Protein backbone atom coordinates (compact mmCIF):
# COMPACT_ATOMS: atom_id res chain seq x y z
CA UNK A 1 111.59 61.52 90.31
CA UNK A 2 110.01 60.44 93.46
CA UNK A 3 107.06 58.04 92.95
CA UNK A 4 104.13 59.05 95.15
CA UNK A 5 102.04 56.06 96.27
CA UNK A 6 98.37 57.28 96.46
CA UNK A 7 96.90 54.01 97.71
CA UNK A 8 94.29 53.96 100.39
CA UNK A 9 96.81 52.69 102.94
CA UNK A 10 99.27 55.59 102.51
CA UNK A 11 96.97 58.40 101.35
CA UNK A 12 96.99 60.04 104.76
CA UNK A 13 100.82 59.93 104.99
CA UNK A 14 101.21 61.36 101.47
CA UNK A 15 98.76 64.17 102.11
CA UNK A 16 100.63 65.06 105.27
CA UNK A 17 103.86 64.98 103.29
CA UNK A 18 102.59 67.42 100.79
CA UNK A 19 100.94 69.65 103.38
CA UNK A 20 104.16 69.77 105.39
CA UNK A 21 106.27 70.71 102.41
CA UNK A 22 103.80 73.39 101.39
CA UNK A 23 104.14 75.23 104.77
CA UNK A 24 107.49 76.81 103.90
CA UNK A 25 106.24 77.84 100.51
CA UNK A 26 102.99 79.25 101.90
CA UNK A 27 104.89 81.33 104.56
CA UNK A 28 107.27 82.67 101.87
CA UNK A 29 104.45 83.58 99.57
CA UNK A 30 102.56 85.29 102.41
CA UNK A 31 105.62 87.42 103.26
CA UNK A 32 106.71 88.18 99.71
CA UNK A 33 105.61 91.66 98.58
CA UNK A 34 104.31 90.81 95.12
CA UNK A 35 102.28 87.68 95.90
CA UNK A 36 101.62 88.44 99.59
CA UNK A 37 99.75 91.68 98.91
CA UNK A 38 96.05 92.18 99.09
CA UNK A 39 95.83 92.07 95.33
CA UNK A 40 96.31 88.30 95.40
CA UNK A 41 93.47 86.43 97.16
CA UNK A 42 94.50 84.21 100.11
CA UNK A 43 92.81 81.10 98.56
CA UNK A 44 94.95 81.47 95.44
CA UNK A 45 98.15 81.75 97.55
CA UNK A 46 97.19 78.63 99.47
CA UNK A 47 96.49 76.78 96.33
CA UNK A 48 99.86 77.86 94.85
CA UNK A 49 101.65 76.77 97.95
CA UNK A 50 99.99 73.39 97.80
CA UNK A 51 101.02 72.97 94.13
CA UNK A 52 104.62 73.96 95.00
CA UNK A 53 104.56 71.40 97.91
CA UNK A 54 103.38 68.61 95.52
CA UNK A 55 106.19 69.34 93.08
CA UNK A 56 108.74 69.47 95.82
CA UNK A 57 107.48 66.13 97.19
CA UNK A 58 107.64 64.71 93.67
CA UNK A 59 111.04 65.98 92.52
CA UNK A 60 113.22 66.75 95.47
CA UNK A 61 114.55 63.83 97.47
CA UNK A 62 113.93 64.55 101.12
CA UNK A 63 113.56 62.67 104.26
CA UNK A 64 109.98 61.87 105.42
CA UNK A 65 108.39 64.46 107.78
CA UNK A 66 107.97 63.65 111.47
CA UNK A 67 104.76 61.90 112.60
CA UNK A 68 101.64 63.96 112.53
CA UNK A 69 100.38 65.45 115.84
CA UNK A 70 103.69 64.95 117.56
CA UNK A 71 106.01 67.45 119.36
CA UNK A 72 108.60 67.05 116.69
CA UNK A 73 106.01 67.80 114.03
CA UNK A 74 104.94 71.04 115.85
CA UNK A 75 108.58 72.20 116.12
CA UNK A 76 109.21 71.30 112.46
CA UNK A 77 106.13 73.32 111.37
CA UNK A 78 107.40 76.41 113.24
CA UNK A 79 110.79 75.92 111.76
CA UNK A 80 109.32 75.78 108.28
CA UNK A 81 107.24 78.89 108.86
CA UNK A 82 110.38 80.79 110.15
CA UNK A 83 112.45 79.87 107.10
CA UNK A 84 109.60 80.87 104.68
CA UNK A 85 108.99 84.15 106.46
CA UNK A 86 112.69 85.02 106.35
CA UNK A 87 112.94 84.41 102.60
CA UNK A 88 109.92 86.55 102.00
CA UNK A 89 111.10 89.22 104.46
CA UNK A 90 114.28 89.67 102.40
CA UNK A 91 112.13 90.75 99.40
CA UNK A 92 110.00 92.96 101.70
CA UNK A 93 113.23 94.85 102.67
CA UNK A 94 114.35 95.07 99.11
CA UNK A 95 110.96 96.55 98.01
CA UNK A 96 111.05 99.01 101.00
CA UNK A 97 114.25 100.58 99.80
CA UNK A 98 112.76 102.62 96.91
CA UNK A 99 109.90 103.71 99.14
CA UNK A 100 112.40 105.19 101.64
CA UNK A 101 114.18 106.93 98.84
CA UNK A 102 110.87 108.27 97.47
CA UNK A 103 109.89 109.67 100.86
CA UNK A 104 113.15 111.53 101.08
CA UNK A 105 112.60 113.06 97.59
CA UNK A 106 108.96 113.80 98.19
CA UNK A 107 109.56 115.56 101.47
CA UNK A 108 112.24 117.77 99.86
CA UNK A 109 110.04 118.54 96.80
CA UNK A 110 106.98 119.34 98.91
CA UNK A 111 104.91 116.34 97.57
CA UNK A 112 104.66 114.50 100.90
CA UNK A 113 100.91 115.16 100.97
CA UNK A 114 100.49 113.62 97.48
CA UNK A 115 99.31 110.10 98.21
CA UNK A 116 97.78 107.23 96.26
CA UNK A 117 96.71 103.62 96.82
CA UNK A 118 99.62 101.21 96.89
CA UNK A 119 98.57 98.16 94.71
CA UNK A 120 100.76 95.83 96.74
CA UNK A 121 99.48 96.58 100.22
CA UNK A 122 96.13 98.36 99.49
CA UNK A 123 97.11 101.23 101.84
CA UNK A 124 97.76 104.81 101.04
CA UNK A 125 101.31 105.58 100.09
CA UNK A 126 103.20 108.50 98.49
CA UNK A 127 102.77 109.05 94.79
CA UNK A 128 106.54 108.86 94.29
CA UNK A 129 106.73 105.74 96.44
CA UNK A 130 104.11 104.05 94.31
CA UNK A 131 106.02 104.98 91.18
CA UNK A 132 109.32 103.70 92.43
CA UNK A 133 107.64 100.48 93.61
CA UNK A 134 106.10 99.90 90.19
CA UNK A 135 109.57 100.47 88.60
CA UNK A 136 111.14 97.92 90.96
CA UNK A 137 108.40 95.47 90.34
CA UNK A 138 108.86 95.75 86.58
CA UNK A 139 112.62 95.21 87.00
CA UNK A 140 111.84 92.27 89.34
CA UNK A 141 109.96 90.39 86.64
CA UNK A 142 111.81 91.67 83.57
CA UNK A 143 115.23 90.45 84.83
CA UNK A 144 113.91 87.06 85.87
CA UNK A 145 114.57 87.67 89.59
CA UNK A 146 111.31 86.02 90.51
CA UNK A 147 112.45 82.79 88.90
CA UNK A 148 115.78 82.94 90.85
CA UNK A 149 113.83 83.54 94.02
CA UNK A 150 111.66 80.50 93.51
CA UNK A 151 114.72 78.50 92.68
CA UNK A 152 116.20 79.54 96.01
CA UNK A 153 113.04 78.61 97.75
CA UNK A 154 113.07 75.12 96.32
CA UNK A 155 116.82 74.80 96.99
CA UNK A 156 116.26 75.67 100.67
CA UNK A 157 114.64 72.30 101.11
CA UNK A 158 117.90 70.62 100.34
CA UNK A 159 120.17 73.08 102.27
CA UNK A 160 117.88 73.67 105.22
CA UNK A 161 115.90 70.58 105.88
CA UNK A 162 113.28 70.50 108.66
CA UNK A 163 114.90 70.79 112.07
CA UNK A 164 118.15 72.48 110.83
CA UNK A 165 117.74 75.90 112.40
CA UNK A 166 119.11 79.25 111.22
CA UNK A 167 122.47 80.17 112.77
CA UNK A 168 123.14 83.49 114.45
CA UNK A 169 125.45 84.76 111.66
CA UNK A 170 122.74 84.34 109.09
CA UNK A 171 120.28 86.45 111.16
CA UNK A 172 123.01 89.07 111.69
CA UNK A 173 123.69 89.22 107.90
CA UNK A 174 119.92 90.04 107.41
CA UNK A 175 120.25 92.99 109.79
CA UNK A 176 123.35 94.15 107.93
CA UNK A 177 121.41 93.96 104.71
CA UNK A 178 118.76 96.30 106.22
CA UNK A 179 121.57 98.77 107.02
CA UNK A 180 122.97 98.52 103.48
CA UNK A 181 119.38 99.09 102.20
CA UNK A 182 119.19 102.38 104.07
CA UNK A 183 122.47 103.52 102.55
CA UNK A 184 121.22 102.45 99.08
CA UNK A 185 118.01 104.45 99.59
CA UNK A 186 120.09 107.55 100.54
CA UNK A 187 122.27 106.96 97.39
CA UNK A 188 119.15 106.77 95.20
CA UNK A 189 117.75 110.00 96.53
CA UNK A 190 120.98 111.91 96.75
CA UNK A 191 121.07 113.44 93.16
CA UNK A 192 117.59 114.78 93.38
CA UNK A 193 117.92 116.05 96.95
CA UNK A 194 121.09 117.90 95.97
CA UNK A 195 119.36 119.59 93.08
CA UNK A 196 116.40 120.54 95.30
CA UNK A 197 118.85 121.84 97.92
CA UNK A 198 120.38 124.17 95.41
CA UNK A 199 116.91 125.36 94.30
CA UNK A 200 115.99 126.12 97.93
CA UNK A 201 119.24 128.05 98.38
CA UNK A 202 118.54 130.09 95.22
CA UNK A 203 114.99 130.66 96.40
CA UNK A 204 116.19 131.86 99.80
CA UNK A 205 118.71 134.26 98.13
CA UNK A 206 115.93 135.75 95.95
CA UNK A 207 113.67 136.09 98.96
CA UNK A 208 116.44 137.96 100.82
CA UNK A 209 117.18 140.25 97.84
CA UNK A 210 113.51 140.85 97.01
CA UNK A 211 111.47 140.58 100.21
CA UNK A 212 108.21 141.50 98.34
CA UNK A 213 108.25 138.24 96.53
CA UNK A 214 106.04 135.47 97.83
CA UNK A 215 108.40 132.68 98.87
CA UNK A 216 105.79 129.93 99.04
CA UNK A 217 104.33 130.82 95.68
CA UNK A 218 107.77 130.83 94.07
CA UNK A 219 109.62 128.11 95.92
CA UNK A 220 107.05 125.28 95.69
CA UNK A 221 106.55 125.25 91.90
CA UNK A 222 110.28 125.67 91.34
CA UNK A 223 111.05 122.82 93.68
CA UNK A 224 108.56 120.47 91.97
CA UNK A 225 109.74 121.32 88.51
CA UNK A 226 113.43 120.94 89.46
CA UNK A 227 112.74 117.66 91.22
CA UNK A 228 110.89 116.24 88.27
CA UNK A 229 113.67 117.32 85.84
CA UNK A 230 116.29 115.86 88.20
CA UNK A 231 114.47 112.51 88.38
CA UNK A 232 114.20 112.35 84.58
CA UNK A 233 117.94 112.98 84.23
CA UNK A 234 118.91 110.62 87.03
CA UNK A 235 116.43 107.83 86.14
CA UNK A 236 119.06 105.64 84.36
CA UNK A 237 121.29 105.77 87.35
CA UNK A 238 118.34 105.07 89.66
CA UNK A 239 117.40 102.06 87.50
CA UNK A 240 120.92 100.60 87.80
CA UNK A 241 120.74 101.11 91.62
CA UNK A 242 117.47 99.36 91.75
CA UNK A 243 118.76 96.39 89.80
CA UNK A 244 121.65 96.32 92.21
CA UNK A 245 119.12 96.20 95.10
CA UNK A 246 117.45 93.04 93.50
CA UNK A 247 120.83 91.36 93.02
CA UNK A 248 121.79 92.06 96.57
CA UNK A 249 118.43 90.74 97.87
CA UNK A 250 118.91 87.54 95.87
CA UNK A 251 122.43 87.14 97.15
CA UNK A 252 121.14 87.70 100.76
CA UNK A 253 118.52 85.05 100.19
CA UNK A 254 121.14 82.61 99.02
CA UNK A 255 123.36 83.46 101.93
CA UNK A 256 120.42 82.97 104.29
CA UNK A 257 119.86 79.33 103.21
CA UNK A 258 123.56 78.60 103.00
CA UNK A 259 123.78 78.45 99.20
CA UNK A 260 126.94 80.69 99.36
């Protein structure tokens, strides 16, 4: 354990040490989807980042930060913000994957106009997107992924000290993770979309065989009922895919800081 000297002679240096270490934590918490949303007040996030900075300063052996109000300190602060934002951005991408899948399903079901307030961002979002986001949030906490993410955040101080910039291959792997996320979103929505496609084909055949039928009055309720039934049947598979998304996101975070 690092012994912090809070005497009057070193109080300014120790406060600067804690503040400097809390910058990366604060940037990560601001970018993370669960804590960085509008539901969590900004003063609470700042307080949590300062608490994390204090514990990092107490328990993690690190080199002292550069002198305050120097060029090296400004560059180090920007570096800390970049690393924290990247770690939070990985979770942002992971939580955007079920929203993309929900938009594909809702557009095929005809529920694109059904919107609700997203509790994470405070903006209007699709009803299915909000549901999928809540399921992923429940899995995020139930599987202990939040504890692993905080562990990676603390471990990043050892593996990526201030001044050690991110290499090009790490940024490229983050872009590849976004591409894999799009493929995962398509895989999540694929069973329901296929069922809805069959329903639309059957509805079109009925409309051709019986032109007097009202296609809109028949097709929309049939599509909604078939989509809900398909989601109920495919929900266990979707849950496994969402757990895979969280595991991939944590693996990407570990790869980003060089833990793998």
